[in-house]
C-alpha cells in the first residue's frame, strides 16, 4: 500500500492542506482545513492508500494529527478521550 501525507499548513489568510495533487483552497480556520483534508483523504482510501494528516510545529517539523482529526469526525465533537 502507498502512504499518502496530507499536511495542514498556515497561510497569510488562513489554513490549507498540501497533498499529492497540490495545494488546496485556503480555509479561514484550522478546523475547516482539517475537515477538508479528511474528506479529501476518504477518496484516497478507495484507491487502497494509507493516509496520514500532519501539521507543522513551531520548529518546522511535521507532526501527525490523527487524534485531532478523529475528534472532529462527523460522529461528534468528542475529545480524544471520548468525552464531549
N, C-alpha and C. Protein backbone atom coordinates (compact mmCIF):
# COMPACT_ATOMS: atom_id res chain seq x y z
N UNK A 1 0.83 -1.19 0.00
CA UNK A 1 0.00 0.00 0.00
C UNK A 1 0.88 1.25 0.00
N UNK A 2 0.36 2.29 -0.60
CA UNK A 2 1.07 3.56 -0.68
C UNK A 2 0.70 4.42 0.52
N UNK A 3 1.67 5.09 1.11
CA UNK A 3 1.43 6.00 2.22
C UNK A 3 1.31 7.41 1.66
N UNK A 4 0.18 8.07 1.94
CA UNK A 4 -0.09 9.41 1.43
C UNK A 4 -0.14 10.38 2.61
N UNK A 5 0.60 11.49 2.50
CA UNK A 5 0.59 12.52 3.52
C UNK A 5 -0.28 13.69 3.08
N UNK A 6 -0.95 14.27 4.03
CA UNK A 6 -1.74 15.48 3.79
C UNK A 6 -1.35 16.45 4.90
N UNK A 7 -0.66 17.51 4.55
CA UNK A 7 -0.09 18.43 5.53
C UNK A 7 -0.94 19.68 5.66
N UNK A 8 -1.30 20.02 6.91
CA UNK A 8 -2.05 21.23 7.21
C UNK A 8 -1.01 22.32 7.49
N UNK A 9 -1.04 23.40 6.72
CA UNK A 9 -0.05 24.46 6.88
C UNK A 9 -0.73 25.83 6.93
N UNK A 10 -0.13 26.76 7.69
CA UNK A 10 -0.70 28.11 7.77
C UNK A 10 -0.44 28.90 6.50
N UNK A 11 -1.36 29.77 6.19
CA UNK A 11 -1.22 30.71 5.08
C UNK A 11 -1.44 32.12 5.64
N UNK A 12 -1.18 33.12 4.86
CA UNK A 12 -1.34 34.50 5.33
C UNK A 12 -2.78 34.81 5.76
N UNK A 13 -3.75 34.18 5.09
CA UNK A 13 -5.15 34.47 5.39
C UNK A 13 -5.94 33.25 5.84
N UNK A 14 -5.27 32.24 6.40
CA UNK A 14 -5.98 31.06 6.89
C UNK A 14 -5.09 29.83 6.88
N UNK A 15 -5.70 28.69 6.56
CA UNK A 15 -5.03 27.39 6.56
C UNK A 15 -5.35 26.64 5.28
N UNK A 16 -4.41 25.82 4.79
CA UNK A 16 -4.67 24.96 3.63
C UNK A 16 -4.03 23.61 3.90
N UNK A 17 -4.29 22.66 3.01
CA UNK A 17 -3.60 21.38 3.12
C UNK A 17 -2.87 21.11 1.82
N UNK A 18 -1.75 20.43 1.94
CA UNK A 18 -0.94 20.04 0.79
C UNK A 18 -1.03 18.53 0.65
N UNK A 19 -1.30 18.08 -0.56
CA UNK A 19 -1.40 16.64 -0.83
C UNK A 19 -0.68 16.34 -2.13
N UNK A 20 -0.81 15.10 -2.60
CA UNK A 20 -0.19 14.70 -3.87
C UNK A 20 -0.63 15.60 -5.02
N UNK A 21 -1.88 16.05 -4.98
CA UNK A 21 -2.45 16.85 -6.06
C UNK A 21 -2.04 18.31 -6.00
N UNK A 22 -1.42 18.74 -4.89
CA UNK A 22 -1.01 20.13 -4.75
C UNK A 22 -1.69 20.78 -3.55
N UNK A 23 -1.78 22.09 -3.60
CA UNK A 23 -2.34 22.87 -2.50
C UNK A 23 -3.85 23.02 -2.64
N UNK A 24 -4.54 22.93 -1.52
CA UNK A 24 -6.00 23.11 -1.51
C UNK A 24 -6.33 24.60 -1.50
N UNK A 25 -7.61 24.87 -1.47
CA UNK A 25 -8.07 26.23 -1.24
C UNK A 25 -7.68 26.63 0.18
N UNK A 26 -7.67 27.92 0.48
CA UNK A 26 -7.36 28.40 1.82
C UNK A 26 -8.65 28.48 2.62
N UNK A 27 -8.62 27.91 3.83
CA UNK A 27 -9.78 27.89 4.72
C UNK A 27 -9.55 28.88 5.86
N UNK A 28 -10.62 29.52 6.35
CA UNK A 28 -10.45 30.55 7.38
C UNK A 28 -10.04 30.01 8.75
N UNK A 29 -10.21 28.71 8.99
CA UNK A 29 -9.84 28.16 10.29
C UNK A 29 -9.08 26.84 10.12
N UNK A 30 -8.32 26.51 11.15
CA UNK A 30 -7.58 25.25 11.17
C UNK A 30 -8.55 24.08 11.10
N UNK A 31 -9.63 24.14 11.84
CA UNK A 31 -10.60 23.05 11.88
C UNK A 31 -11.19 22.76 10.50
N UNK A 32 -11.54 23.81 9.76
CA UNK A 32 -12.10 23.62 8.42
C UNK A 32 -11.07 22.98 7.48
N UNK A 33 -9.81 23.36 7.63
CA UNK A 33 -8.76 22.78 6.79
C UNK A 33 -8.59 21.29 7.10
N UNK A 34 -8.65 20.92 8.39
CA UNK A 34 -8.53 19.51 8.78
C UNK A 34 -9.71 18.72 8.23
N UNK A 35 -10.91 19.26 8.35
CA UNK A 35 -12.11 18.57 7.85
C UNK A 35 -12.02 18.38 6.33
N UNK A 36 -11.57 19.40 5.62
CA UNK A 36 -11.43 19.29 4.16
C UNK A 36 -10.37 18.26 3.80
N UNK A 37 -9.27 18.23 4.54
CA UNK A 37 -8.22 17.25 4.28
C UNK A 37 -8.74 15.84 4.53
N UNK A 38 -9.51 15.66 5.59
CA UNK A 38 -10.05 14.34 5.91
C UNK A 38 -11.00 13.87 4.81
N UNK A 39 -11.83 14.77 4.28
CA UNK A 39 -12.72 14.42 3.18
C UNK A 39 -11.93 14.07 1.93
N UNK A 40 -10.89 14.82 1.67
CA UNK A 40 -10.03 14.54 0.51
C UNK A 40 -9.40 13.16 0.63
N UNK A 41 -8.96 12.82 1.84
CA UNK A 41 -8.29 11.54 2.04
C UNK A 41 -9.25 10.35 1.97
N UNK A 42 -10.52 10.57 2.20
CA UNK A 42 -11.50 9.49 2.07
C UNK A 42 -11.48 8.91 0.65
N UNK A 43 -11.31 9.76 -0.35
CA UNK A 43 -11.25 9.28 -1.73
C UNK A 43 -9.97 8.47 -1.97
N UNK A 44 -8.90 8.78 -1.25
CA UNK A 44 -7.65 8.04 -1.39
C UNK A 44 -7.76 6.63 -0.82
N UNK A 45 -8.57 6.46 0.21
CA UNK A 45 -8.73 5.13 0.81
C UNK A 45 -9.35 4.15 -0.17
N UNK A 46 -10.21 4.65 -1.06
CA UNK A 46 -10.82 3.79 -2.06
C UNK A 46 -9.75 3.25 -3.02
N UNK A 47 -8.65 3.96 -3.15
CA UNK A 47 -7.56 3.54 -4.02
C UNK A 47 -6.52 2.72 -3.26
N UNK A 48 -6.88 2.23 -2.07
CA UNK A 48 -6.03 1.38 -1.23
C UNK A 48 -4.73 2.09 -0.85
N UNK A 49 -4.88 3.33 -0.40
CA UNK A 49 -3.74 4.09 0.06
C UNK A 49 -3.90 4.38 1.55
N UNK A 50 -2.83 4.26 2.31
CA UNK A 50 -2.83 4.63 3.71
C UNK A 50 -2.60 6.13 3.80
N UNK A 51 -3.35 6.81 4.65
CA UNK A 51 -3.27 8.26 4.71
C UNK A 51 -2.87 8.74 6.10
N UNK A 52 -2.15 9.87 6.13
CA UNK A 52 -1.71 10.49 7.37
C UNK A 52 -1.93 11.99 7.24
N UNK A 53 -2.63 12.58 8.23
CA UNK A 53 -2.78 14.04 8.28
C UNK A 53 -1.74 14.56 9.26
N UNK A 54 -0.98 15.57 8.83
CA UNK A 54 0.07 16.14 9.66
C UNK A 54 -0.08 17.66 9.72
N UNK A 55 0.53 18.25 10.76
CA UNK A 55 0.60 19.70 10.84
C UNK A 55 2.02 20.10 11.16
N UNK A 56 2.36 21.32 10.84
CA UNK A 56 3.72 21.80 11.06
C UNK A 56 3.82 22.41 12.45
N UNK A 57 4.86 22.03 13.22
CA UNK A 57 5.05 22.63 14.54
C UNK A 57 5.86 23.91 14.40
N UNK A 58 6.16 24.55 15.52
CA UNK A 58 6.86 25.83 15.50
C UNK A 58 8.29 25.73 15.00
N UNK A 59 8.85 24.54 15.01
CA UNK A 59 10.22 24.34 14.51
C UNK A 59 10.25 23.87 13.07
N UNK A 60 9.10 23.72 12.44
CA UNK A 60 9.04 23.30 11.05
C UNK A 60 8.91 21.82 10.84
N UNK A 61 8.84 21.02 11.92
CA UNK A 61 8.68 19.58 11.80
C UNK A 61 7.21 19.23 11.60
N UNK A 62 6.96 18.14 10.89
CA UNK A 62 5.60 17.71 10.63
C UNK A 62 5.20 16.67 11.68
N UNK A 63 4.07 16.90 12.37
CA UNK A 63 3.56 16.01 13.40
C UNK A 63 2.20 15.47 12.98
N UNK A 64 1.96 14.19 13.23
CA UNK A 64 0.69 13.57 12.89
C UNK A 64 -0.41 14.11 13.80
N UNK A 65 -1.59 14.38 13.23
CA UNK A 65 -2.72 14.91 13.99
C UNK A 65 -3.93 14.01 13.88
N UNK A 66 -3.74 12.70 13.82
CA UNK A 66 -4.85 11.76 13.66
C UNK A 66 -5.84 11.88 14.80
N UNK A 67 -5.39 12.05 16.02
CA UNK A 67 -6.30 12.17 17.16
C UNK A 67 -7.21 13.36 17.03
N UNK A 68 -6.67 14.48 16.56
CA UNK A 68 -7.48 15.68 16.37
C UNK A 68 -8.49 15.46 15.25
N UNK A 69 -8.06 14.86 14.15
CA UNK A 69 -8.97 14.61 13.03
C UNK A 69 -10.11 13.68 13.46
N UNK A 70 -9.82 12.68 14.28
CA UNK A 70 -10.86 11.78 14.76
C UNK A 70 -11.81 12.49 15.70
N UNK A 71 -11.29 13.42 16.50
CA UNK A 71 -12.14 14.17 17.42
C UNK A 71 -13.15 15.02 16.66
N UNK A 72 -12.81 15.47 15.46
CA UNK A 72 -13.70 16.29 14.67
C UNK A 72 -14.42 15.49 13.60
N UNK A 73 -14.62 14.23 13.86
CA UNK A 73 -15.31 13.37 12.89
C UNK A 73 -16.79 13.71 12.85
N UNK A 74 -17.50 13.32 11.81
CA UNK A 74 -18.92 13.62 11.70
C UNK A 74 -19.76 12.99 12.82
N UNK A 75 -19.23 11.97 13.50
CA UNK A 75 -19.99 11.32 14.56
C UNK A 75 -20.14 12.21 15.78
N UNK A 76 -19.37 13.25 15.90
CA UNK A 76 -19.49 14.15 17.04
C UNK A 76 -18.23 14.93 17.25
N UNK A 77 -18.23 15.71 18.31
CA UNK A 77 -17.07 16.55 18.60
C UNK A 77 -16.45 16.16 19.93
N UNK A 78 -16.50 14.88 20.25
CA UNK A 78 -15.89 14.40 21.50
C UNK A 78 -14.38 14.56 21.42
N UNK A 79 -13.78 14.77 22.57
CA UNK A 79 -12.31 14.87 22.64
C UNK A 79 -11.69 13.51 22.38
N UNK A 80 -10.37 13.49 22.37
CA UNK A 80 -9.67 12.25 22.07
C UNK A 80 -9.85 11.22 23.18
N UNK A 81 -10.30 11.66 24.36
CA UNK A 81 -10.54 10.68 25.43
C UNK A 81 -11.97 10.17 25.44
N UNK A 82 -12.77 10.60 24.44
CA UNK A 82 -14.13 10.09 24.30
C UNK A 82 -15.20 10.92 24.99
N UNK A 83 -14.77 11.95 25.74
CA UNK A 83 -15.74 12.80 26.42
C UNK A 83 -16.03 14.03 25.59
N UNK A 84 -17.26 14.52 25.70
CA UNK A 84 -17.65 15.73 24.94
C UNK A 84 -17.09 16.97 25.58
